[in-house]
Protein backbone atom coordinates (compact mmCIF):
# COMPACT_ATOMS: atom_id res chain seq x y z
CA MET A 1 -16.64 3.05 11.42
CA LEU A 2 -14.62 2.00 14.55
CA GLU A 3 -17.78 1.74 16.58
CA GLU A 4 -19.32 -0.61 14.03
CA LEU A 5 -16.13 -2.76 14.34
CA ILE A 6 -16.15 -2.87 17.97
CA LYS A 7 -19.71 -4.18 17.81
CA PHE A 8 -19.18 -6.47 15.25
CA ALA A 9 -16.15 -7.81 17.42
CA ASN A 10 -18.36 -8.19 20.32
CA HIS A 11 -21.04 -10.01 18.20
CA LEU A 12 -18.27 -12.42 17.19
CA ASP A 13 -17.45 -13.13 20.80
CA ASP A 14 -21.20 -13.70 21.47
CA LYS A 15 -21.40 -16.12 18.73
CA GLY A 16 -18.27 -18.11 20.33
CA LEU A 17 -16.13 -17.14 17.38
CA ARG A 18 -13.22 -16.09 19.71
CA LYS A 19 -10.38 -16.54 17.36
CA GLU A 20 -12.07 -14.05 14.77
CA ALA A 21 -13.05 -11.92 17.38
CA ASP A 22 -9.48 -11.55 18.94
CA TYR A 23 -8.10 -10.93 15.45
CA LEU A 24 -10.28 -7.99 14.85
CA ASP A 25 -9.68 -6.67 18.45
CA ARG A 26 -6.02 -6.64 17.34
CA LEU A 27 -6.75 -4.76 14.13
CA ILE A 28 -8.91 -2.20 16.11
CA LYS A 29 -5.99 -1.88 18.53
CA ARG A 30 -3.53 -1.08 15.69
CA SER A 31 -5.68 1.29 13.97
CA SER A 32 -6.15 3.27 17.24
CA GLU A 33 -2.59 3.67 18.07
CA SER A 34 -1.29 7.17 17.36
CA GLU A 35 2.28 6.45 16.90
CA GLU A 36 3.85 7.18 13.34
CA ILE A 37 4.47 3.95 11.58
CA PRO A 38 7.69 3.87 9.74
CA GLN A 39 8.26 3.14 6.21
CA PRO A 40 9.52 -0.53 5.80
CA ARG A 41 12.91 -0.62 4.35
CA ASP A 42 11.59 -3.03 1.59
CA ALA A 43 8.72 -0.70 0.62
CA LYS A 44 11.43 2.14 0.43
CA LEU A 45 13.82 0.14 -1.59
CA PHE A 46 11.16 -1.11 -4.02
CA VAL A 47 9.95 2.45 -4.74
CA ILE A 48 13.39 3.54 -5.31
CA ASN A 49 14.81 0.87 -7.33
CA LYS A 50 11.59 -0.38 -9.32
CA ILE A 51 9.84 3.11 -9.76
CA ASN A 52 11.88 6.17 -9.32
CA ASN A 53 15.09 4.76 -10.73
CA GLU A 54 13.19 3.48 -13.80
CA SER A 55 11.52 6.50 -14.53
CA HIS A 56 11.93 8.37 -17.81
CA VAL A 57 14.22 11.58 -17.24
CA ASP A 58 15.04 14.42 -19.77
CA GLU A 59 18.18 15.03 -21.63
CA LEU A 60 19.76 16.76 -18.46
CA ARG A 61 19.09 13.56 -16.36
CA SER A 62 16.63 15.45 -14.29
CA ASN A 63 12.87 15.85 -14.10
CA PRO A 64 11.66 12.31 -14.10
CA THR A 65 8.02 11.78 -15.18
CA ASN A 66 7.33 9.77 -11.92
CA LEU A 67 9.12 10.54 -8.75
CA PHE A 68 7.55 9.17 -5.40
CA ARG A 69 8.28 10.58 -1.82
CA TRP A 70 7.13 8.79 1.05
CA LYS A 71 4.22 10.39 3.03
CA TYR A 72 3.14 7.97 5.60
CA CYS A 73 1.95 4.44 6.45
CA THR A 74 -1.27 2.98 8.14
CA HIS A 75 -2.45 -0.36 9.04
CA THR A 76 -4.76 -1.99 6.68
CA VAL A 77 -5.67 -5.52 5.71
CA ILE A 78 -5.42 -7.78 2.68
CA GLY A 79 -8.77 -8.91 2.25
CA ASP A 80 -8.59 -11.29 -0.64
CA ARG A 81 -6.90 -14.16 1.06
CA GLY A 82 -9.50 -16.59 2.12
CA LEU A 83 -11.53 -16.58 5.53
CA MET A 84 -8.62 -14.85 7.45
CA GLU A 85 -7.66 -11.47 6.19
CA ASP A 86 -3.86 -10.68 6.78
CA GLY A 87 -2.41 -7.63 8.49
CA ALA A 88 -0.71 -5.14 6.04
CA LEU A 89 0.72 -1.62 5.92
CA LEU A 90 -0.66 0.72 3.38
CA CYS A 91 2.43 3.15 2.46
CA VAL A 92 1.25 6.25 0.81
CA TYR A 93 3.80 8.31 -1.40
CA GLU A 94 3.17 11.68 -3.15
CA ASN A 95 4.40 11.78 -6.94
CA LEU A 96 6.54 14.96 -7.40
CA GLY A 97 7.46 13.96 -11.05
CA SER A 98 7.48 16.47 -14.02
CA GLY A 99 5.19 14.49 -16.05
CA ASP A 100 1.49 15.20 -16.77
CA GLU A 101 -1.16 12.85 -15.79
CA ASP A 102 -1.23 10.92 -19.23
CA GLN A 103 2.77 10.69 -19.22
CA ARG A 104 2.89 9.41 -15.74
CA LYS A 105 0.07 6.90 -16.40
CA GLU A 106 1.49 5.73 -19.51
CA GLU A 107 4.96 5.21 -18.00
CA LEU A 108 3.59 3.48 -14.89
CA GLU A 109 1.13 1.07 -16.96
CA SER A 110 4.18 0.03 -18.76
CA MET A 111 6.02 -0.91 -15.92
CA PHE A 112 3.12 -2.42 -13.83
CA PRO A 113 0.04 -3.30 -15.87
CA GLY A 114 -3.07 -2.37 -14.06
CA ILE A 115 -1.26 -0.13 -11.58
CA THR A 116 -3.90 3.00 -12.41
CA SER A 117 -6.91 0.92 -12.18
CA ASP A 118 -7.33 -2.01 -9.74
CA GLY A 119 -3.72 -2.12 -8.83
CA CYS A 120 -0.79 -4.43 -9.97
CA MET A 121 0.10 -7.58 -7.74
CA ILE A 122 3.87 -7.76 -7.30
CA GLU A 123 5.57 -10.98 -7.26
CA ASP A 124 9.22 -10.33 -7.13
CA PRO A 125 11.43 -12.54 -4.86
CA GLU A 126 13.52 -9.59 -4.04
CA TYR A 127 10.61 -7.55 -2.42
CA LYS A 128 8.68 -10.59 -1.00
CA ARG A 129 6.59 -8.28 1.45
CA VAL A 130 5.64 -5.79 -1.36
CA TYR A 131 1.97 -7.32 -2.06
CA LYS A 132 0.38 -4.47 -4.45
CA VAL A 133 0.74 -1.09 -5.94
CA ARG A 134 -1.94 1.31 -7.14
CA CYS A 135 -2.01 4.74 -8.33
CA GLN A 136 -4.66 7.01 -7.33
CA ALA A 137 -5.66 10.84 -7.72
CA ARG A 138 -4.58 11.08 -11.42
CA CYS A 139 -1.28 9.30 -10.63
CA SER A 140 -0.32 11.96 -7.91
CA VAL A 141 -0.67 9.30 -5.31
CA LEU A 142 1.02 5.77 -5.19
CA GLU A 143 -0.33 3.35 -2.87
CA LEU A 144 1.76 0.28 -1.74
CA THR A 145 0.42 -2.50 0.32
CA TYR A 146 3.06 -4.16 2.35
CA ASP A 147 2.46 -7.51 3.87
CA ILE A 148 3.20 -7.94 7.74
CA PRO A 149 2.82 -10.94 9.84
CA LEU A 150 0.23 -10.35 12.64
């Protein structure tokens, strides 16, 4: 995949599309960096405050249906913003909650409609850079797209 992106960046250069080629070069460079990317503070607070703290708990105030723990972040792009895509981080969380798949899905859908299908766009002024949340793998994985400036 990386080879194809490099070829495409070179093709853009050959066509005189320097700005677009430079943009793609920056994305390629970021994707090849091997350093661990830290979890953004806003992403962490969003997951804690808007999901983990809102999850249903049993009568002992333990064992929440959904409880997400951060695994890693990786560079990605937000591709639905017109001609130029915006740089972003894809933050991945694992679900350690006690709920079964149906319980997890029902609860998450009640908080964020669409989260278990195409994802849910987030428009919360408190978490301006949190762009989208989406659950994968039978609600055992949460993907949070975090908007970053290039």
